[in-house]
PDB file of N, CA and C in Angstrom:
ATOM      1  N   MET A   1      21.912 -17.059   2.770  1.00  0.00           N
ATOM      2  CA  MET A   1      20.233 -16.920   2.832  1.00  0.00           C
ATOM      3  C   MET A   1      19.908 -16.781   1.861  1.00  0.00           C
ATOM      4  N   SER A   2      18.595 -17.091   1.557  1.00  0.00           N
ATOM      5  CA  SER A   2      17.975 -16.859   0.182  1.00  0.00           C
ATOM      6  C   SER A   2      17.018 -15.692   0.687  1.00  0.00           C
ATOM      7  N   ASP A   3      16.540 -14.674  -0.709  1.00  0.00           N
ATOM      8  CA  ASP A   3      15.847 -13.577  -0.685  1.00  0.00           C
ATOM      9  C   ASP A   3      14.183 -14.078  -0.140  1.00  0.00           C
ATOM     10  N   THR A   4      14.070 -15.506  -0.174  1.00  0.00           N
ATOM     11  CA  THR A   4      12.861 -15.735   1.046  1.00  0.00           C
ATOM     12  C   THR A   4      12.241 -15.221   2.164  1.00  0.00           C
ATOM     13  N   SER A   5      13.039 -15.476   2.484  1.00  0.00           N
ATOM     14  CA  SER A   5      13.514 -15.006   3.980  1.00  0.00           C
ATOM     15  C   SER A   5      12.568 -13.591   3.983  1.00  0.00           C
ATOM     16  N   GLU A   6      12.863 -12.872   2.967  1.00  0.00           N
ATOM     17  CA  GLU A   6      12.493 -11.006   3.097  1.00  0.00           C
ATOM     18  C   GLU A   6      11.082 -11.172   3.508  1.00  0.00           C
ATOM     19  N   LYS A   7      10.537 -10.124   4.604  1.00  0.00           N
ATOM     20  CA  LYS A   7       9.311 -10.016   4.870  1.00  0.00           C
ATOM     21  C   LYS A   7       8.777  -9.395   3.475  1.00  0.00           C
ATOM     22  N   LYS A   8       7.786  -9.082   3.697  1.00  0.00           N
ATOM     23  CA  LYS A   8       6.748  -8.356   2.378  1.00  0.00           C
ATOM     24  C   LYS A   8       5.388  -7.711   3.476  1.00  0.00           C
ATOM     25  N   LEU A   9       4.555  -7.149   2.315  1.00  0.00           N
ATOM     26  CA  LEU A   9       3.502  -6.503   2.926  1.00  0.00           C
ATOM     27  C   LEU A   9       2.571  -6.434   1.455  1.00  0.00           C
ATOM     28  N   ARG A  10       1.072  -7.331   2.367  1.00  0.00           N
ATOM     29  CA  ARG A  10       0.279  -7.220   1.467  1.00  0.00           C
ATOM     30  C   ARG A  10      -0.881  -5.784   1.799  1.00  0.00           C
ATOM     31  N   VAL A  11      -0.939  -5.052   0.713  1.00  0.00           N
ATOM     32  CA  VAL A  11      -1.657  -3.974   0.904  1.00  0.00           C
ATOM     33  C   VAL A  11      -2.814  -3.932   0.149  1.00  0.00           C
ATOM     34  N   THR A  12      -3.597  -3.674   0.477  1.00  0.00           N
ATOM     35  CA  THR A  12      -5.341  -4.117  -0.066  1.00  0.00           C
ATOM     36  C   THR A  12      -6.243  -2.550  -0.144  1.00  0.00           C
ATOM     37  N   LEU A  13      -6.365  -1.926  -1.233  1.00  0.00           N
ATOM     38  CA  LEU A  13      -7.352  -0.878  -0.939  1.00  0.00           C
ATOM     39  C   LEU A  13      -8.824  -1.286  -0.496  1.00  0.00           C
ATOM     40  N   VAL A  14      -9.325  -0.286   0.497  1.00  0.00           N
ATOM     41  CA  VAL A  14     -10.199  -0.766   0.946  1.00  0.00           C
ATOM     42  C   VAL A  14     -11.499   0.081   0.863  1.00  0.00           C
ATOM     43  N   LYS A  15     -10.868   1.440   0.749  1.00  0.00           N
ATOM     44  CA  LYS A  15     -11.919   2.970   0.430  1.00  0.00           C
ATOM     45  C   LYS A  15     -11.223   3.365  -0.485  1.00  0.00           C
ATOM     46  N   SER A  16     -12.445   4.100  -0.998  1.00  0.00           N
ATOM     47  CA  SER A  16     -11.857   5.014  -2.429  1.00  0.00           C
ATOM     48  C   SER A  16     -11.197   6.076  -1.840  1.00  0.00           C
ATOM     49  N   SER A  17     -10.399   6.662  -2.667  1.00  0.00           N
ATOM     50  CA  SER A  17      -9.527   8.001  -2.652  1.00  0.00           C
ATOM     51  C   SER A  17     -10.430   9.235  -3.026  1.00  0.00           C
ATOM     52  N   ILE A  18     -11.371   9.146  -3.994  1.00  0.00           N
ATOM     53  CA  ILE A  18     -12.591  10.206  -4.202  1.00  0.00           C
ATOM     54  C   ILE A  18     -12.632  10.830  -2.837  1.00  0.00           C
ATOM     55  N   GLY A  19     -12.211  12.648  -3.174  1.00  0.00           N
ATOM     56  CA  GLY A  19     -12.641  13.382  -1.720  1.00  0.00           C
ATOM     57  C   GLY A  19     -11.001  13.560  -0.907  1.00  0.00           C
ATOM     58  N   CYS A  20     -10.519  12.609  -1.039  1.00  0.00           N
ATOM     59  CA  CYS A  20      -9.223  12.976  -0.577  1.00  0.00           C
ATOM     60  C   CYS A  20      -7.778  13.773  -1.621  1.00  0.00           C
ATOM     61  N   PRO A  21      -7.300  14.295  -0.402  1.00  0.00           N
ATOM     62  CA  PRO A  21      -6.508  15.319  -1.374  1.00  0.00           C
ATOM     63  C   PRO A  21      -5.227  14.724  -2.268  1.00  0.00           C
ATOM     64  N   THR A  22      -5.495  15.672  -3.296  1.00  0.00           N
ATOM     65  CA  THR A  22      -4.697  15.068  -4.193  1.00  0.00           C
ATOM     66  C   THR A  22      -3.203  13.976  -4.318  1.00  0.00           C
ATOM     67  N   GLN A  23      -2.185  14.532  -3.490  1.00  0.00           N
ATOM     68  CA  GLN A  23      -1.174  13.530  -2.545  1.00  0.00           C
ATOM     69  C   GLN A  23      -1.730  12.696  -2.285  1.00  0.00           C
ATOM     70  N   GLN A  24      -2.611  12.296  -1.450  1.00  0.00           N
ATOM     71  CA  GLN A  24      -3.483  11.115  -1.263  1.00  0.00           C
ATOM     72  C   GLN A  24      -3.758   9.980  -2.070  1.00  0.00           C
ATOM     73  N   LYS A  25      -4.411  10.492  -3.321  1.00  0.00           N
ATOM     74  CA  LYS A  25      -4.629  10.142  -4.471  1.00  0.00           C
ATOM     75  C   LYS A  25      -3.733   9.872  -5.536  1.00  0.00           C
ATOM     76  N   ARG A  26      -2.325  10.436  -5.524  1.00  0.00           N
ATOM     77  CA  ARG A  26      -1.501  10.151  -6.147  1.00  0.00           C
ATOM     78  C   ARG A  26      -0.484   9.059  -5.858  1.00  0.00           C
ATOM     79  N   THR A  27      -0.291   8.831  -4.227  1.00  0.00           N
ATOM     80  CA  THR A  27       0.171   7.919  -3.200  1.00  0.00           C
ATOM     81  C   THR A  27      -0.774   6.648  -3.376  1.00  0.00           C
ATOM     82  N   VAL A  28      -1.909   6.449  -3.842  1.00  0.00           N
ATOM     83  CA  VAL A  28      -2.913   4.883  -3.593  1.00  0.00           C
ATOM     84  C   VAL A  28      -2.382   4.952  -5.508  1.00  0.00           C
ATOM     85  N   ILE A  29      -2.043   5.607  -6.252  1.00  0.00           N
ATOM     86  CA  ILE A  29      -1.823   5.406  -7.509  1.00  0.00           C
ATOM     87  C   ILE A  29      -0.827   4.524  -7.499  1.00  0.00           C
ATOM     88  N   ALA A  30       0.538   5.386  -6.537  1.00  0.00           N
ATOM     89  CA  ALA A  30       2.042   5.107  -6.708  1.00  0.00           C
ATOM     90  C   ALA A  30       1.855   3.330  -6.672  1.00  0.00           C
ATOM     91  N   LEU A  31       1.062   3.366  -5.214  1.00  0.00           N
ATOM     92  CA  LEU A  31       1.406   1.606  -4.788  1.00  0.00           C
ATOM     93  C   LEU A  31       0.650   0.685  -5.826  1.00  0.00           C
ATOM     94  N   GLY A  32      -0.155   1.384  -7.049  1.00  0.00           N
ATOM     95  CA  GLY A  32      -0.764   0.063  -8.108  1.00  0.00           C
ATOM     96  C   GLY A  32      -1.837   0.038  -7.595  1.00  0.00           C
ATOM     97  N   LEU A  33      -2.457   0.498  -6.494  1.00  0.00           N
ATOM     98  CA  LEU A  33      -3.904   0.177  -6.505  1.00  0.00           C
ATOM     99  C   LEU A  33      -4.771   1.034  -6.695  1.00  0.00           C
ATOM    100  N   LEU A  34      -5.341   0.641  -7.833  1.00  0.00           N
ATOM    101  CA  LEU A  34      -6.219   1.038  -8.850  1.00  0.00           C
ATOM    102  C   LEU A  34      -7.767   0.980  -8.555  1.00  0.00           C
ATOM    103  N   LYS A  35      -8.160   0.086  -8.418  1.00  0.00           N
ATOM    104  CA  LYS A  35      -9.303  -0.047  -7.999  1.00  0.00           C
ATOM    105  C   LYS A  35      -9.760  -1.017  -6.528  1.00  0.00           C
ATOM    106  N   ILE A  36     -11.080  -1.010  -5.863  1.00  0.00           N
ATOM    107  CA  ILE A  36     -11.048  -1.578  -4.558  1.00  0.00           C
ATOM    108  C   ILE A  36     -11.248  -2.400  -4.418  1.00  0.00           C
ATOM    109  N   ASN A  37     -10.152  -3.608  -3.420  1.00  0.00           N
ATOM    110  CA  ASN A  37     -10.088  -4.537  -3.085  1.00  0.00           C
ATOM    111  C   ASN A  37      -8.844  -5.120  -4.073  1.00  0.00           C
ATOM    112  N   ALA A  38      -8.473  -4.417  -4.702  1.00  0.00           N
ATOM    113  CA  ALA A  38      -7.127  -4.640  -5.687  1.00  0.00           C
ATOM    114  C   ALA A  38      -5.887  -4.683  -4.415  1.00  0.00           C
ATOM    115  N   THR A  39      -4.850  -5.569  -4.697  1.00  0.00           N
ATOM    116  CA  THR A  39      -4.229  -6.237  -3.508  1.00  0.00           C
ATOM    117  C   THR A  39      -2.686  -6.302  -4.288  1.00  0.00           C
ATOM    118  N   ARG A  40      -1.569  -5.953  -3.672  1.00  0.00           N
ATOM    119  CA  ARG A  40      -0.282  -6.231  -4.298  1.00  0.00           C
ATOM    120  C   ARG A  40       0.512  -6.176  -2.954  1.00  0.00           C
ATOM    121  N   GLU A  41       1.806  -7.190  -3.300  1.00  0.00           N
ATOM    122  CA  GLU A  41       2.725  -7.138  -2.460  1.00  0.00           C
ATOM    123  C   GLU A  41       4.127  -6.512  -2.613  1.00  0.00           C
ATOM    124  N   TYR A  42       4.904  -6.167  -1.608  1.00  0.00           N
ATOM    125  CA  TYR A  42       5.780  -5.236  -1.930  1.00  0.00           C
ATOM    126  C   TYR A  42       6.963  -5.155  -0.407  1.00  0.00           C
ATOM    127  N   PRO A  43       8.522  -5.414  -0.779  1.00  0.00           N
ATOM    128  CA  PRO A  43       8.660  -5.382   0.144  1.00  0.00           C
ATOM    129  C   PRO A  43       8.695  -4.921   1.077  1.00  0.00           C
ATOM    130  N   ASP A  44       8.720  -5.259   2.647  1.00  0.00           N
ATOM    131  CA  ASP A  44       8.848  -4.265   3.976  1.00  0.00           C
ATOM    132  C   ASP A  44      10.063  -3.709   4.090  1.00  0.00           C
ATOM    133  N   ASN A  45      10.100  -2.561   3.755  1.00  0.00           N
ATOM    134  CA  ASN A  45      10.760  -1.558   3.800  1.00  0.00           C
ATOM    135  C   ASN A  45      10.293   0.183   4.280  1.00  0.00           C
ATOM    136  N   LEU A  46      11.787   1.234   4.132  1.00  0.00           N
ATOM    137  CA  LEU A  46      11.053   2.295   5.019  1.00  0.00           C
ATOM    138  C   LEU A  46      10.200   2.937   3.896  1.00  0.00           C
ATOM    139  N   SER A  47      10.168   2.847   2.951  1.00  0.00           N
ATOM    140  CA  SER A  47       9.603   3.827   2.224  1.00  0.00           C
ATOM    141  C   SER A  47       8.619   3.577   1.488  1.00  0.00           C
ATOM    142  N   VAL A  48       8.198   2.421   1.708  1.00  0.00           N
ATOM    143  CA  VAL A  48       7.300   1.873   0.976  1.00  0.00           C
ATOM    144  C   VAL A  48       6.083   1.760   2.877  1.00  0.00           C
ATOM    145  N   ARG A  49       6.596   1.599   3.490  1.00  0.00           N
ATOM    146  CA  ARG A  49       6.525   2.097   4.682  1.00  0.00           C
ATOM    147  C   ARG A  49       5.505   3.015   5.147  1.00  0.00           C
ATOM    148  N   GLY A  50       6.349   4.496   4.750  1.00  0.00           N
ATOM    149  CA  GLY A  50       6.003   5.508   4.207  1.00  0.00           C
ATOM    150  C   GLY A  50       5.039   6.013   3.147  1.00  0.00           C
ATOM    151  N   MET A  51       5.101   5.413   2.222  1.00  0.00           N
ATOM    152  CA  MET A  51       3.653   5.177   1.461  1.00  0.00           C
ATOM    153  C   MET A  51       2.628   5.079   2.090  1.00  0.00           C
ATOM    154  N   ILE A  52       2.279   3.665   2.887  1.00  0.00           N
ATOM    155  CA  ILE A  52       1.380   3.551   3.405  1.00  0.00           C
ATOM    156  C   ILE A  52       0.736   4.352   4.566  1.00  0.00           C
ATOM    157  N   TYR A  53       1.513   4.773   4.707  1.00  0.00           N
ATOM    158  CA  TYR A  53       1.277   5.671   6.521  1.00  0.00           C
ATOM    159  C   TYR A  53       1.027   6.959   6.007  1.00  0.00           C
ATOM    160  N   GLN A  54       0.829   6.962   4.717  1.00  0.00           N
ATOM    161  CA  GLN A  54       0.595   8.518   3.815  1.00  0.00           C
ATOM    162  C   GLN A  54      -1.164   7.873   4.160  1.00  0.00           C
ATOM    163  N   VAL A  55      -1.882   6.867   3.345  1.00  0.00           N
ATOM    164  CA  VAL A  55      -2.722   6.598   3.078  1.00  0.00           C
ATOM    165  C   VAL A  55      -3.263   5.525   4.113  1.00  0.00           C
ATOM    166  N   LYS A  56      -3.223   5.506   5.049  1.00  0.00           N
ATOM    167  CA  LYS A  56      -3.829   4.259   6.608  1.00  0.00           C
ATOM    168  C   LYS A  56      -4.795   4.083   6.325  1.00  0.00           C
ATOM    169  N   HIS A  57      -5.369   5.062   6.322  1.00  0.00           N
ATOM    170  CA  HIS A  57      -7.292   5.322   6.858  1.00  0.00           C
ATOM    171  C   HIS A  57      -7.690   4.474   5.234  1.00  0.00           C
ATOM    172  N   LEU A  58      -6.752   4.371   3.995  1.00  0.00           N
ATOM    173  CA  LEU A  58      -7.747   3.774   2.653  1.00  0.00           C
ATOM    174  C   LEU A  58      -7.377   1.930   2.458  1.00  0.00           C
ATOM    175  N   VAL A  59      -6.247   1.957   3.710  1.00  0.00           N
ATOM    176  CA  VAL A  59      -5.639   0.486   2.932  1.00  0.00           C
ATOM    177  C   VAL A  59      -6.315   0.095   3.993  1.00  0.00           C
ATOM    178  N   ARG A  60      -5.771  -1.804   4.206  1.00  0.00           N
ATOM    179  CA  ARG A  60      -5.191  -2.732   4.783  1.00  0.00           C
ATOM    180  C   ARG A  60      -4.184  -3.646   4.445  1.00  0.00           C
ATOM    181  N   VAL A  61      -3.025  -3.660   5.791  1.00  0.00           N
ATOM    182  CA  VAL A  61      -1.758  -3.980   5.604  1.00  0.00           C
ATOM    183  C   VAL A  61      -1.511  -5.405   6.321  1.00  0.00           C
ATOM    184  N   GLU A  62      -1.354  -6.360   5.319  1.00  0.00           N
ATOM    185  CA  GLU A  62      -0.824  -7.520   6.348  1.00  0.00           C
ATOM    186  C   GLU A  62       0.428  -7.631   5.896  1.00  0.00           C
ATOM    187  N   GLU A  63       1.125  -8.323   6.695  1.00  0.00           N
ATOM    188  CA  GLU A  63       2.731  -8.926   7.087  1.00  0.00           C
ATOM    189  C   GLU A  63       2.211 -10.659   6.923  1.00  0.00           C
ATOM    190  N   ILE A  64       3.632 -10.693   5.344  1.00  0.00           N
ATOM    191  CA  ILE A  64       3.725 -12.090   4.806  1.00  0.00           C
ATOM    192  C   ILE A  64       4.523 -12.712   5.140  1.00  0.00           C
TER     193      ILE A  64
END
């Protein structure tokens, strides 16, 4: 089985973290989303999903 069959998540920052609690700001930075409309791809696992859940009001998530 090849690694290409592994599911991934595309995460895009759609709202600024200005005014959010410090923990949420740090989570956005840890996801590598430094500017609005920045997009990153991550493997679909529990740790990434937990980070996304913390900032779900700031990001858009697509399964690819």
